[in-house]
Structure formats: C-alpha cells, structure tokens
C-alpha cells in the first residue's frame, strides 16, 4: 500500500524449511541498499 511504501524502508526476507526467517536485503525510501553476506554480489534490491 502506498501509505506504507512511500515512507518506509522495505526488505526482502526468506525462510527455508526448518529454519528461521532471515533478512536478505533492504532498501530505504531514498534508495540506499544493504545485503546479507550470503547474497552480496548476486542479488539486487
């Protein structure tokens, strides 16, 4: 929803079978990004 998206940082998370949900990557409203080490260089948010 726009009310959320327009002002919040967003993240992609993942949950593998038998494991806890973990953060994959995040992006601020302004476009700054951050990545988990296990996807750096391979994934782009």
ModelCIF file with pLDDT and N, C-alpha, C, O atoms, coordinates in Angstrom:
data_MODEL
#
_entry.id   MODEL 
#
_entity.id                         1 
_entity.type                       polymer 
_entity.pdbx_number_of_molecules   1 
#
_entity_poly.entity_id                      1 
_entity_poly.type                           'polypeptide(L)' 
_entity_poly.nstd_linkage                   no 
_entity_poly.nstd_monomer                   no 
_entity_poly.pdbx_seq_one_letter_code       
;(UNK)(UNK)(UNK)(UNK)(UNK)(UNK)(UNK)(UNK)(UNK)(UNK)(UNK)(UNK)(UNK)(UNK)(UNK)(UNK)
(UNK)(UNK)(UNK)(UNK)(UNK)(UNK)(UNK)(UNK)(UNK)(UNK)(UNK)(UNK)(UNK)(UNK)(UNK)(UNK)
(UNK)(UNK)(UNK)(UNK)(UNK)(UNK)(UNK)(UNK)(UNK)(UNK)(UNK)(UNK)(UNK)
;
_entity_poly.pdbx_seq_one_letter_code_can   XXXXXXXXXXXXXXXXXXXXXXXXXXXXXXXXXXXXXXXXXXXXX 
_entity_poly.pdbx_strand_id                 A 
#
loop_
_entity_poly_seq.entity_id 
_entity_poly_seq.num 
_entity_poly_seq.mon_id 
_entity_poly_seq.hetero 
1 1  UNK n 
1 2  UNK n 
1 3  UNK n 
1 4  UNK n 
1 5  UNK n 
1 6  UNK n 
1 7  UNK n 
1 8  UNK n 
1 9  UNK n 
1 10 UNK n 
1 11 UNK n 
1 12 UNK n 
1 13 UNK n 
1 14 UNK n 
1 15 UNK n 
1 16 UNK n 
1 17 UNK n 
1 18 UNK n 
1 19 UNK n 
1 20 UNK n 
1 21 UNK n 
1 22 UNK n 
1 23 UNK n 
1 24 UNK n 
1 25 UNK n 
1 26 UNK n 
1 27 UNK n 
1 28 UNK n 
1 29 UNK n 
1 30 UNK n 
1 31 UNK n 
1 32 UNK n 
1 33 UNK n 
1 34 UNK n 
1 35 UNK n 
1 36 UNK n 
1 37 UNK n 
1 38 UNK n 
1 39 UNK n 
1 40 UNK n 
1 41 UNK n 
1 42 UNK n 
1 43 UNK n 
1 44 UNK n 
1 45 UNK n 
#
_struct_asym.id          A 
_struct_asym.entity_id   1 
#
loop_
_ma_qa_metric.id 
_ma_qa_metric.mode 
_ma_qa_metric.name 
_ma_qa_metric.software_group_id 
_ma_qa_metric.type 
1 global pLDDT . pLDDT 
2 local  pLDDT . pLDDT 
#
_ma_qa_metric_global.metric_id      1 
_ma_qa_metric_global.metric_value   94.87 
_ma_qa_metric_global.model_id       1 
_ma_qa_metric_global.ordinal_id     1 
#
loop_
_ma_qa_metric_local.label_asym_id 
_ma_qa_metric_local.label_comp_id 
_ma_qa_metric_local.label_seq_id 
_ma_qa_metric_local.metric_id 
_ma_qa_metric_local.metric_value 
_ma_qa_metric_local.model_id 
_ma_qa_metric_local.ordinal_id 
A UNK 1  2 90.00 1 1  
A UNK 2  2 88.00 1 2  
A UNK 3  2 85.00 1 3  
A UNK 4  2 83.00 1 4  
A UNK 5  2 84.00 1 5  
A UNK 6  2 80.00 1 6  
A UNK 7  2 83.00 1 7  
A UNK 8  2 90.00 1 8  
A UNK 9  2 95.00 1 9  
A UNK 10 2 96.00 1 10 
A UNK 11 2 97.00 1 11 
A UNK 12 2 98.00 1 12 
A UNK 13 2 98.00 1 13 
A UNK 14 2 98.00 1 14 
A UNK 15 2 98.00 1 15 
A UNK 16 2 97.00 1 16 
A UNK 17 2 92.00 1 17 
A UNK 18 2 95.00 1 18 
A UNK 19 2 97.00 1 19 
A UNK 20 2 97.00 1 20 
A UNK 21 2 97.00 1 21 
A UNK 22 2 98.00 1 22 
A UNK 23 2 98.00 1 23 
A UNK 24 2 98.00 1 24 
A UNK 25 2 98.00 1 25 
A UNK 26 2 98.00 1 26 
A UNK 27 2 97.00 1 27 
A UNK 28 2 96.00 1 28 
A UNK 29 2 92.00 1 29 
A UNK 30 2 92.00 1 30 
A UNK 31 2 94.00 1 31 
A UNK 32 2 97.00 1 32 
A UNK 33 2 98.00 1 33 
A UNK 34 2 98.00 1 34 
A UNK 35 2 98.00 1 35 
A UNK 36 2 98.00 1 36 
A UNK 37 2 98.00 1 37 
A UNK 38 2 98.00 1 38 
A UNK 39 2 98.00 1 39 
A UNK 40 2 98.00 1 40 
A UNK 41 2 97.00 1 41 
A UNK 42 2 98.00 1 42 
A UNK 43 2 98.00 1 43 
A UNK 44 2 98.00 1 44 
A UNK 45 2 98.00 1 45 
#
loop_
_atom_site.group_PDB 
_atom_site.id 
_atom_site.type_symbol 
_atom_site.label_atom_id 
_atom_site.label_alt_id 
_atom_site.label_comp_id 
_atom_site.label_asym_id 
_atom_site.label_entity_id 
_atom_site.label_seq_id 
_atom_site.pdbx_PDB_ins_code 
_atom_site.Cartn_x 
_atom_site.Cartn_y 
_atom_site.Cartn_z 
_atom_site.occupancy 
_atom_site.B_iso_or_equiv 
_atom_site.pdbx_formal_charge 
_atom_site.auth_seq_id 
_atom_site.auth_comp_id 
_atom_site.auth_asym_id 
_atom_site.auth_atom_id 
_atom_site.pdbx_PDB_model_num 
ATOM 1   N N  . UNK A 1 1  ? 0.828  -1.206  0.000  1.00 90.00 ? 1  UNK A N  1 
ATOM 2   C CA . UNK A 1 1  ? 0.000  0.000   0.000  1.00 90.00 ? 1  UNK A CA 1 
ATOM 3   C C  . UNK A 1 1  ? 0.859  1.251   0.000  1.00 90.00 ? 1  UNK A C  1 
ATOM 4   O O  . UNK A 1 1  ? 1.915  1.294   0.632  1.00 90.00 ? 1  UNK A O  1 
ATOM 5   N N  . UNK A 1 2  ? 0.404  2.251   -0.705 1.00 88.00 ? 2  UNK A N  1 
ATOM 6   C CA . UNK A 1 2  ? 1.176  3.481   -0.832 1.00 88.00 ? 2  UNK A CA 1 
ATOM 7   C C  . UNK A 1 2  ? 1.455  4.134   0.522  1.00 88.00 ? 2  UNK A C  1 
ATOM 8   O O  . UNK A 1 2  ? 2.515  4.722   0.736  1.00 88.00 ? 2  UNK A O  1 
ATOM 9   N N  . UNK A 1 3  ? 0.506  4.023   1.411  1.00 85.00 ? 3  UNK A N  1 
ATOM 10  C CA . UNK A 1 3  ? 0.659  4.648   2.732  1.00 85.00 ? 3  UNK A CA 1 
ATOM 11  C C  . UNK A 1 3  ? 1.858  4.091   3.482  1.00 85.00 ? 3  UNK A C  1 
ATOM 12  O O  . UNK A 1 3  ? 2.465  4.773   4.307  1.00 85.00 ? 3  UNK A O  1 
ATOM 13  N N  . UNK A 1 4  ? 2.185  2.858   3.187  1.00 83.00 ? 4  UNK A N  1 
ATOM 14  C CA . UNK A 1 4  ? 3.332  2.217   3.820  1.00 83.00 ? 4  UNK A CA 1 
ATOM 15  C C  . UNK A 1 4  ? 4.581  2.408   2.974  1.00 83.00 ? 4  UNK A C  1 
ATOM 16  O O  . UNK A 1 4  ? 5.638  2.793   3.473  1.00 83.00 ? 4  UNK A O  1 
ATOM 17  N N  . UNK A 1 5  ? 4.440  2.133   1.697  1.00 84.00 ? 5  UNK A N  1 
ATOM 18  C CA . UNK A 1 5  ? 5.599  2.086   0.824  1.00 84.00 ? 5  UNK A CA 1 
ATOM 19  C C  . UNK A 1 5  ? 6.303  3.427   0.717  1.00 84.00 ? 5  UNK A C  1 
ATOM 20  O O  . UNK A 1 5  ? 7.531  3.478   0.665  1.00 84.00 ? 5  UNK A O  1 
ATOM 21  N N  . UNK A 1 6  ? 5.557  4.493   0.684  1.00 80.00 ? 6  UNK A N  1 
ATOM 22  C CA . UNK A 1 6  ? 6.136  5.798   0.374  1.00 80.00 ? 6  UNK A CA 1 
ATOM 23  C C  . UNK A 1 6  ? 7.093  6.311   1.449  1.00 80.00 ? 6  UNK A C  1 
ATOM 24  O O  . UNK A 1 6  ? 7.946  7.149   1.157  1.00 80.00 ? 6  UNK A O  1 
ATOM 25  N N  . UNK A 1 7  ? 6.971  5.835   2.663  1.00 83.00 ? 7  UNK A N  1 
ATOM 26  C CA . UNK A 1 7  ? 7.782  6.407   3.734  1.00 83.00 ? 7  UNK A CA 1 
ATOM 27  C C  . UNK A 1 7  ? 8.674  5.394   4.437  1.00 83.00 ? 7  UNK A C  1 
ATOM 28  O O  . UNK A 1 7  ? 9.487  5.765   5.283  1.00 83.00 ? 7  UNK A O  1 
ATOM 29  N N  . UNK A 1 8  ? 8.532  4.130   4.097  1.00 90.00 ? 8  UNK A N  1 
ATOM 30  C CA . UNK A 1 8  ? 9.266  3.116   4.845  1.00 90.00 ? 8  UNK A CA 1 
ATOM 31  C C  . UNK A 1 8  ? 10.349 2.441   4.022  1.00 90.00 ? 8  UNK A C  1 
ATOM 32  O O  . UNK A 1 8  ? 10.226 2.284   2.808  1.00 90.00 ? 8  UNK A O  1 
ATOM 33  N N  . UNK A 1 9  ? 11.403 2.050   4.704  1.00 95.00 ? 9  UNK A N  1 
ATOM 34  C CA . UNK A 1 9  ? 12.345 1.121   4.115  1.00 95.00 ? 9  UNK A CA 1 
ATOM 35  C C  . UNK A 1 9  ? 11.633 -0.210  3.916  1.00 95.00 ? 9  UNK A C  1 
ATOM 36  O O  . UNK A 1 9  ? 10.747 -0.568  4.692  1.00 95.00 ? 9  UNK A O  1 
ATOM 37  N N  . UNK A 1 10 ? 12.013 -0.931  2.890  1.00 96.00 ? 10 UNK A N  1 
ATOM 38  C CA . UNK A 1 10 ? 11.423 -2.226  2.588  1.00 96.00 ? 10 UNK A CA 1 
ATOM 39  C C  . UNK A 1 10 ? 12.508 -3.286  2.581  1.00 96.00 ? 10 UNK A C  1 
ATOM 40  O O  . UNK A 1 10 ? 13.680 -3.009  2.329  1.00 96.00 ? 10 UNK A O  1 
ATOM 41  N N  . UNK A 1 11 ? 12.089 -4.491  2.860  1.00 97.00 ? 11 UNK A N  1 
ATOM 42  C CA . UNK A 1 11 ? 13.062 -5.577  2.877  1.00 97.00 ? 11 UNK A CA 1 
ATOM 43  C C  . UNK A 1 11 ? 12.515 -6.828  2.241  1.00 97.00 ? 11 UNK A C  1 
ATOM 44  O O  . UNK A 1 11 ? 11.307 -7.063  2.218  1.00 97.00 ? 11 UNK A O  1 
ATOM 45  N N  . UNK A 1 12 ? 13.430 -7.630  1.724  1.00 98.00 ? 12 UNK A N  1 
ATOM 46  C CA . UNK A 1 12 ? 13.108 -8.991  1.298  1.00 98.00 ? 12 UNK A CA 1 
ATOM 47  C C  . UNK A 1 12 ? 13.667 -9.933  2.350  1.00 98.00 ? 12 UNK A C  1 
ATOM 48  O O  . UNK A 1 12 ? 14.800 -9.779  2.806  1.00 98.00 ? 12 UNK A O  1 
ATOM 49  N N  . UNK A 1 13 ? 12.867 -10.895 2.721  1.00 98.00 ? 13 UNK A N  1 
ATOM 50  C CA . UNK A 1 13 ? 13.235 -11.888 3.720  1.00 98.00 ? 13 UNK A CA 1 
ATOM 51  C C  . UNK A 1 13 ? 13.001 -13.271 3.099  1.00 98.00 ? 13 UNK A C  1 
ATOM 52  O O  . UNK A 1 13 ? 12.306 -13.402 2.091  1.00 98.00 ? 13 UNK A O  1 
ATOM 53  N N  . UNK A 1 14 ? 13.590 -14.294 3.714  1.00 98.00 ? 14 UNK A N  1 
ATOM 54  C CA . UNK A 1 14 ? 13.336 -15.640 3.229  1.00 98.00 ? 14 UNK A CA 1 
ATOM 55  C C  . UNK A 1 14 ? 13.303 -16.613 4.399  1.00 98.00 ? 14 UNK A C  1 
ATOM 56  O O  . UNK A 1 14 ? 13.902 -16.383 5.449  1.00 98.00 ? 14 UNK A O  1 
ATOM 57  N N  . UNK A 1 15 ? 12.592 -17.689 4.183  1.00 98.00 ? 15 UNK A N  1 
ATOM 58  C CA . UNK A 1 15 ? 12.524 -18.748 5.195  1.00 98.00 ? 15 UNK A CA 1 
ATOM 59  C C  . UNK A 1 15 ? 12.652 -20.090 4.493  1.00 98.00 ? 15 UNK A C  1 
ATOM 60  O O  . UNK A 1 15 ? 11.797 -20.483 3.700  1.00 98.00 ? 15 UNK A O  1 
ATOM 61  N N  . UNK A 1 16 ? 13.721 -20.769 4.800  1.00 97.00 ? 16 UNK A N  1 
ATOM 62  C CA . UNK A 1 16 ? 13.962 -22.104 4.263  1.00 97.00 ? 16 UNK A CA 1 
ATOM 63  C C  . UNK A 1 16 ? 13.314 -23.128 5.196  1.00 97.00 ? 16 UNK A C  1 
ATOM 64  O O  . UNK A 1 16 ? 13.088 -22.835 6.370  1.00 97.00 ? 16 UNK A O  1 
ATOM 65  N N  . UNK A 1 17 ? 13.017 -24.312 4.694  1.00 92.00 ? 17 UNK A N  1 
ATOM 66  C CA . UNK A 1 17 ? 12.391 -25.343 5.538  1.00 92.00 ? 17 UNK A CA 1 
ATOM 67  C C  . UNK A 1 17 ? 13.216 -25.619 6.784  1.00 92.00 ? 17 UNK A C  1 
ATOM 68  O O  . UNK A 1 17 ? 14.422 -25.857 6.706  1.00 92.00 ? 17 UNK A O  1 
ATOM 69  N N  . UNK A 1 18 ? 12.551 -25.585 7.935  1.00 95.00 ? 18 UNK A N  1 
ATOM 70  C CA . UNK A 1 18 ? 13.220 -25.885 9.186  1.00 95.00 ? 18 UNK A CA 1 
ATOM 71  C C  . UNK A 1 18 ? 14.103 -24.781 9.729  1.00 95.00 ? 18 UNK A C  1 
ATOM 72  O O  . UNK A 1 18 ? 14.793 -24.975 10.730 1.00 95.00 ? 18 UNK A O  1 
ATOM 73  N N  . UNK A 1 19 ? 14.091 -23.623 9.082  1.00 97.00 ? 19 UNK A N  1 
ATOM 74  C CA . UNK A 1 19 ? 14.945 -22.520 9.522  1.00 97.00 ? 19 UNK A CA 1 
ATOM 75  C C  . UNK A 1 19 ? 14.108 -21.293 9.837  1.00 97.00 ? 19 UNK A C  1 
ATOM 76  O O  . UNK A 1 19 ? 12.948 -21.191 9.437  1.00 97.00 ? 19 UNK A O  1 
ATOM 77  N N  . UNK A 1 20 ? 14.715 -20.370 10.557 1.00 97.00 ? 20 UNK A N  1 
ATOM 78  C CA . UNK A 1 20 ? 14.024 -19.129 10.869 1.00 97.00 ? 20 UNK A CA 1 
ATOM 79  C C  . UNK A 1 20 ? 14.050 -18.185 9.666  1.00 97.00 ? 20 UNK A C  1 
ATOM 80  O O  . UNK A 1 20 ? 14.921 -18.270 8.800  1.00 97.00 ? 20 UNK A O  1 
ATOM 81  N N  . UNK A 1 21 ? 13.086 -17.301 9.642  1.00 97.00 ? 21 UNK A N  1 
ATOM 82  C CA . UNK A 1 21 ? 13.056 -16.287 8.596  1.00 97.00 ? 21 UNK A CA 1 
ATOM 83  C C  . UNK A 1 21 ? 14.239 -15.362 8.776  1.00 97.00 ? 21 UNK A C  1 
ATOM 84  O O  . UNK A 1 21 ? 14.583 -15.001 9.902  1.00 97.00 ? 21 UNK A O  1 
ATOM 85  N N  . UNK A 1 22 ? 14.871 -14.971 7.666  1.00 98.00 ? 22 UNK A N  1 
ATOM 86  C CA . UNK A 1 22 ? 16.047 -14.125 7.742  1.00 98.00 ? 22 UNK A CA 1 
ATOM 87  C C  . UNK A 1 22 ? 15.958 -13.009 6.702  1.00 98.00 ? 22 UNK A C  1 
ATOM 88  O O  . UNK A 1 22 ? 15.310 -13.149 5.665  1.00 98.00 ? 22 UNK A O  1 
ATOM 89  N N  . UNK A 1 23 ? 16.621 -11.912 7.008  1.00 98.00 ? 23 UNK A N  1 
ATOM 90  C CA . UNK A 1 23 ? 16.652 -10.780 6.095  1.00 98.00 ? 23 UNK A CA 1 
ATOM 91  C C  . UNK A 1 23 ? 17.626 -11.056 4.965  1.00 98.00 ? 23 UNK A C  1 
ATOM 92  O O  . UNK A 1 23 ? 18.749 -11.506 5.192  1.00 98.00 ? 23 UNK A O  1 
ATOM 93  N N  . UNK A 1 24 ? 17.188 -10.784 3.750  1.00 98.00 ? 24 UNK A N  1 
ATOM 94  C CA . UNK A 1 24 ? 18.027 -10.965 2.569  1.00 98.00 ? 24 UNK A CA 1 
ATOM 95  C C  . UNK A 1 24 ? 18.611 -9.631  2.125  1.00 98.00 ? 24 UNK A C  1 
ATOM 96  O O  . UNK A 1 24 ? 19.813 -9.523  1.880  1.00 98.00 ? 24 UNK A O  1 
ATOM 97  N N  . UNK A 1 25 ? 17.762 -8.622  2.022  1.00 98.00 ? 25 UNK A N  1 
ATOM 98  C CA . UNK A 1 25 ? 18.206 -7.312  1.543  1.00 98.00 ? 25 UNK A CA 1 
ATOM 99  C C  . UNK A 1 25 ? 17.191 -6.269  1.973  1.00 98.00 ? 25 UNK A C  1 
ATOM 100 O O  . UNK A 1 25 ? 16.022 -6.577  2.207  1.00 98.00 ? 25 UNK A O  1 
ATOM 101 N N  . UNK A 1 26 ? 17.651 -5.033  2.074  1.00 98.00 ? 26 UNK A N  1 
ATOM 102 C CA . UNK A 1 26 ? 16.754 -3.945  2.425  1.00 98.00 ? 26 UNK A CA 1 
ATOM 103 C C  . UNK A 1 26 ? 17.068 -2.724  1.580  1.00 98.00 ? 26 UNK A C  1 
ATOM 104 O O  . UNK A 1 26 ? 18.169 -2.579  1.050  1.00 98.00 ? 26 UNK A O  1 
ATOM 105 N N  . UNK A 1 27 ? 16.081 -1.851  1.468  1.00 97.00 ? 27 UNK A N  1 
ATOM 106 C CA . UNK A 1 27 ? 16.262 -0.618  0.701  1.00 97.00 ? 27 UNK A CA 1 
ATOM 107 C C  . UNK A 1 27 ? 15.470 0.487   1.380  1.00 97.00 ? 27 UNK A C  1 
ATOM 108 O O  . UNK A 1 27 ? 14.297 0.309   1.709  1.00 97.00 ? 27 UNK A O  1 
ATOM 109 N N  . UNK A 1 28 ? 16.112 1.625   1.588  1.00 96.00 ? 28 UNK A N  1 
ATOM 110 C CA . UNK A 1 28 ? 15.426 2.740   2.225  1.00 96.00 ? 28 UNK A CA 1 
ATOM 111 C C  . UNK A 1 28 ? 14.509 3.437   1.221  1.00 96.00 ? 28 UNK A C  1 
ATOM 112 O O  . UNK A 1 28 ? 14.553 3.159   0.022  1.00 96.00 ? 28 UNK A O  1 
ATOM 113 N N  . UNK A 1 29 ? 13.681 4.344   1.732  1.00 92.00 ? 29 UNK A N  1 
ATOM 114 C CA . UNK A 1 29 ? 12.799 5.109   0.851  1.00 92.00 ? 29 UNK A CA 1 
ATOM 115 C C  . UNK A 1 29 ? 13.619 5.909   -0.164 1.00 92.00 ? 29 UNK A C  1 
ATOM 116 O O  . UNK A 1 29 ? 13.157 6.175   -1.274 1.00 92.00 ? 29 UNK A O  1 
ATOM 117 N N  . UNK A 1 30 ? 14.815 6.282   0.218  1.00 92.00 ? 30 UNK A N  1 
ATOM 118 C CA . UNK A 1 30 ? 15.690 7.043   -0.672 1.00 92.00 ? 30 UNK A CA 1 
ATOM 119 C C  . UNK A 1 30 ? 16.534 6.202   -1.601 1.00 92.00 ? 30 UNK A C  1 
ATOM 120 O O  . UNK A 1 30 ? 17.224 6.731   -2.472 1.00 92.00 ? 30 UNK A O  1 
ATOM 121 N N  . UNK A 1 31 ? 16.483 4.885   -1.419 1.00 94.00 ? 31 UNK A N  1 
ATOM 122 C CA . UNK A 1 31 ? 17.182 4.001   -2.348 1.00 94.00 ? 31 UNK A CA 1 
ATOM 123 C C  . UNK A 1 31 ? 18.494 3.419   -1.862 1.00 94.00 ? 31 UNK A C  1 
ATOM 124 O O  . UNK A 1 31 ? 19.171 2.733   -2.628 1.00 94.00 ? 31 UNK A O  1 
ATOM 125 N N  . UNK A 1 32 ? 18.877 3.662   -0.629 1.00 97.00 ? 32 UNK A N  1 
ATOM 126 C CA . UNK A 1 32 ? 20.095 3.050   -0.098 1.00 97.00 ? 32 UNK A CA 1 
ATOM 127 C C  . UNK A 1 32 ? 19.837 1.581   0.195  1.00 97.00 ? 32 UNK A C  1 
ATOM 128 O O  . UNK A 1 32 ? 18.798 1.220   0.748  1.00 97.00 ? 32 UNK A O  1 
ATOM 129 N N  . UNK A 1 33 ? 20.781 0.747   -0.175 1.00 98.00 ? 33 UNK A N  1 
ATOM 130 C CA . UNK A 1 33 ? 20.576 -0.691  -0.066 1.00 98.00 ? 33 UNK A CA 1 
ATOM 131 C C  . UNK A 1 33 ? 21.554 -1.346  0.891  1.00 98.00 ? 33 UNK A C  1 
ATOM 132 O O  . UNK A 1 33 ? 22.630 -0.822  1.176  1.00 98.00 ? 33 UNK A O  1 
ATOM 133 N N  . UNK A 1 34 ? 21.146 -2.506  1.375  1.00 98.00 ? 34 UNK A N  1 
ATOM 134 C CA . UNK A 1 34 ? 22.001 -3.306  2.233  1.00 98.00 ? 34 UNK A CA 1 
ATOM 135 C C  . UNK A 1 34 ? 21.685 -4.772  1.965  1.00 98.00 ? 34 UNK A C  1 
ATOM 136 O O  . UNK A 1 34 ? 20.534 -5.124  1.705  1.00 98.00 ? 34 UNK A O  1 
ATOM 137 N N  . UNK A 1 35 ? 22.702 -5.625  2.030  1.00 98.00 ? 35 UNK A N  1 
ATOM 138 C CA . UNK A 1 35 ? 22.529 -7.035  1.681  1.00 98.00 ? 35 UNK A CA 1 
ATOM 139 C C  . UNK A 1 35 ? 23.128 -7.945  2.736  1.00 98.00 ? 35 UNK A C  1 
ATOM 140 O O  . UNK A 1 35 ? 24.129 -7.615  3.371  1.00 98.00 ? 35 UNK A O  1 
ATOM 141 N N  . UNK A 1 36 ? 22.501 -9.089  2.910  1.00 98.00 ? 36 UNK A N  1 
ATOM 142 C CA . UNK A 1 36 ? 23.106 -10.126 3.718  1.00 98.00 ? 36 UNK A CA 1 
ATOM 143 C C  . UNK A 1 36 ? 24.336 -10.644 2.994  1.00 98.00 ? 36 UNK A C  1 
ATOM 144 O O  . UNK A 1 36 ? 24.381 -10.665 1.764  1.00 98.00 ? 36 UNK A O  1 
ATOM 145 N N  . UNK A 1 37 ? 25.331 -11.061 3.763  1.00 98.00 ? 37 UNK A N  1 
ATOM 146 C CA . UNK A 1 37 ? 26.584 -11.522 3.151  1.00 98.00 ? 37 UNK A CA 1 
ATOM 147 C C  . UNK A 1 37 ? 26.356 -12.654 2.158  1.00 98.00 ? 37 UNK A C  1 
ATOM 148 O O  . UNK A 1 37 ? 27.051 -12.749 1.147  1.00 98.00 ? 37 UNK A O  1 
ATOM 149 N N  . UNK A 1 38 ? 25.380 -13.513 2.448  1.00 98.00 ? 38 UNK A N  1 
ATOM 150 C CA . UNK A 1 38 ? 25.209 -14.694 1.610  1.00 98.00 ? 38 UNK A CA 1 
ATOM 151 C C  . UNK A 1 38 ? 24.596 -14.386 0.245  1.00 98.00 ? 38 UNK A C  1 
ATOM 152 O O  . UNK A 1 38 ? 24.495 -15.286 -0.588 1.00 98.00 ? 38 UNK A O  1 
ATOM 153 N N  . UNK A 1 39 ? 24.182 -13.137 -0.010 1.00 98.00 ? 39 UNK A N  1 
ATOM 154 C CA . UNK A 1 39 ? 23.649 -12.785 -1.335 1.00 98.00 ? 39 UNK A CA 1 
ATOM 155 C C  . UNK A 1 39 ? 24.405 -11.638 -1.984 1.00 98.00 ? 39 UNK A C  1 
ATOM 156 O O  . UNK A 1 39 ? 24.104 -11.264 -3.118 1.00 98.00 ? 39 UNK A O  1 
ATOM 157 N N  . UNK A 1 40 ? 25.369 -11.082 -1.294 1.00 98.00 ? 40 UNK A N  1 
ATOM 158 C CA . UNK A 1 40 ? 26.111 -9.948  -1.854 1.00 98.00 ? 40 UNK A CA 1 
ATOM 159 C C  . UNK A 1 40 ? 26.751 -10.324 -3.184 1.00 98.00 ? 40 UNK A C  1 
ATOM 160 O O  . UNK A 1 40 ? 27.372 -11.378 -3.317 1.00 98.00 ? 40 UNK A O  1 
ATOM 161 N N  . UNK A 1 41 ? 26.590 -9.449  -4.155 1.00 97.00 ? 41 UNK A N  1 
ATOM 162 C CA . UNK A 1 41 ? 27.159 -9.690  -5.468 1.00 97.00 ? 41 UNK A CA 1 
ATOM 163 C C  . UNK A 1 41 ? 26.279 -10.542 -6.373 1.00 97.00 ? 41 UNK A C  1 
ATOM 164 O O  . UNK A 1 41 ? 26.549 -10.668 -7.568 1.00 97.00 ? 41 UNK A O  1 
ATOM 165 N N  . UNK A 1 42 ? 25.218 -11.131 -5.804 1.00 98.00 ? 42 UNK A N  1 
ATOM 166 C CA . UNK A 1 42 ? 24.338 -11.983 -6.614 1.00 98.00 ? 42 UNK A CA 1 
ATOM 167 C C  . UNK A 1 42 ? 22.918 -11.421 -6.720 1.00 98.00 ? 42 UNK A C  1 
ATOM 168 O O  . UNK A 1 42 ? 22.277 -11.549 -7.763 1.00 98.00 ? 42 UNK A O  1 
ATOM 169 N N  . UNK A 1 43 ? 22.434 -10.810 -5.661 1.00 98.00 ? 43 UNK A N  1 
ATOM 170 C CA . UNK A 1 43 ? 21.065 -10.283 -5.620 1.00 98.00 ? 43 UNK A CA 1 
ATOM 171 C C  . UNK A 1 43 ? 21.098 -8.762  -5.648 1.00 98.00 ? 43 UNK A C  1 
ATOM 172 O O  . UNK A 1 43 ? 22.032 -8.133  -5.150 1.00 98.00 ? 43 UNK A O  1 
ATOM 173 N N  . UNK A 1 44 ? 20.055 -8.184  -6.244 1.00 98.00 ? 44 UNK A N  1 
ATOM 174 C CA . UNK A 1 44 ? 19.915 -6.731  -6.275 1.00 98.00 ? 44 UNK A CA 1 
ATOM 175 C C  . UNK A 1 44 ? 18.492 -6.352  -5.897 1.00 98.00 ? 44 UNK A C  1 
ATOM 176 O O  . UNK A 1 44 ? 17.528 -6.818  -6.505 1.00 98.00 ? 44 UNK A O  1 
ATOM 177 N N  . UNK A 1 45 ? 18.375 -5.506  -4.890 1.00 98.00 ? 45 UNK A N  1 
ATOM 178 C CA . UNK A 1 45 ? 17.070 -4.995  -4.485 1.00 98.00 ? 45 UNK A CA 1 
ATOM 179 C C  . UNK A 1 45 ? 16.879 -3.608  -5.080 1.00 98.00 ? 45 UNK A C  1 
ATOM 180 O O  . UNK A 1 45 ? 15.841 -2.983  -4.867 1.00 98.00 ? 45 UNK A O  1 
#
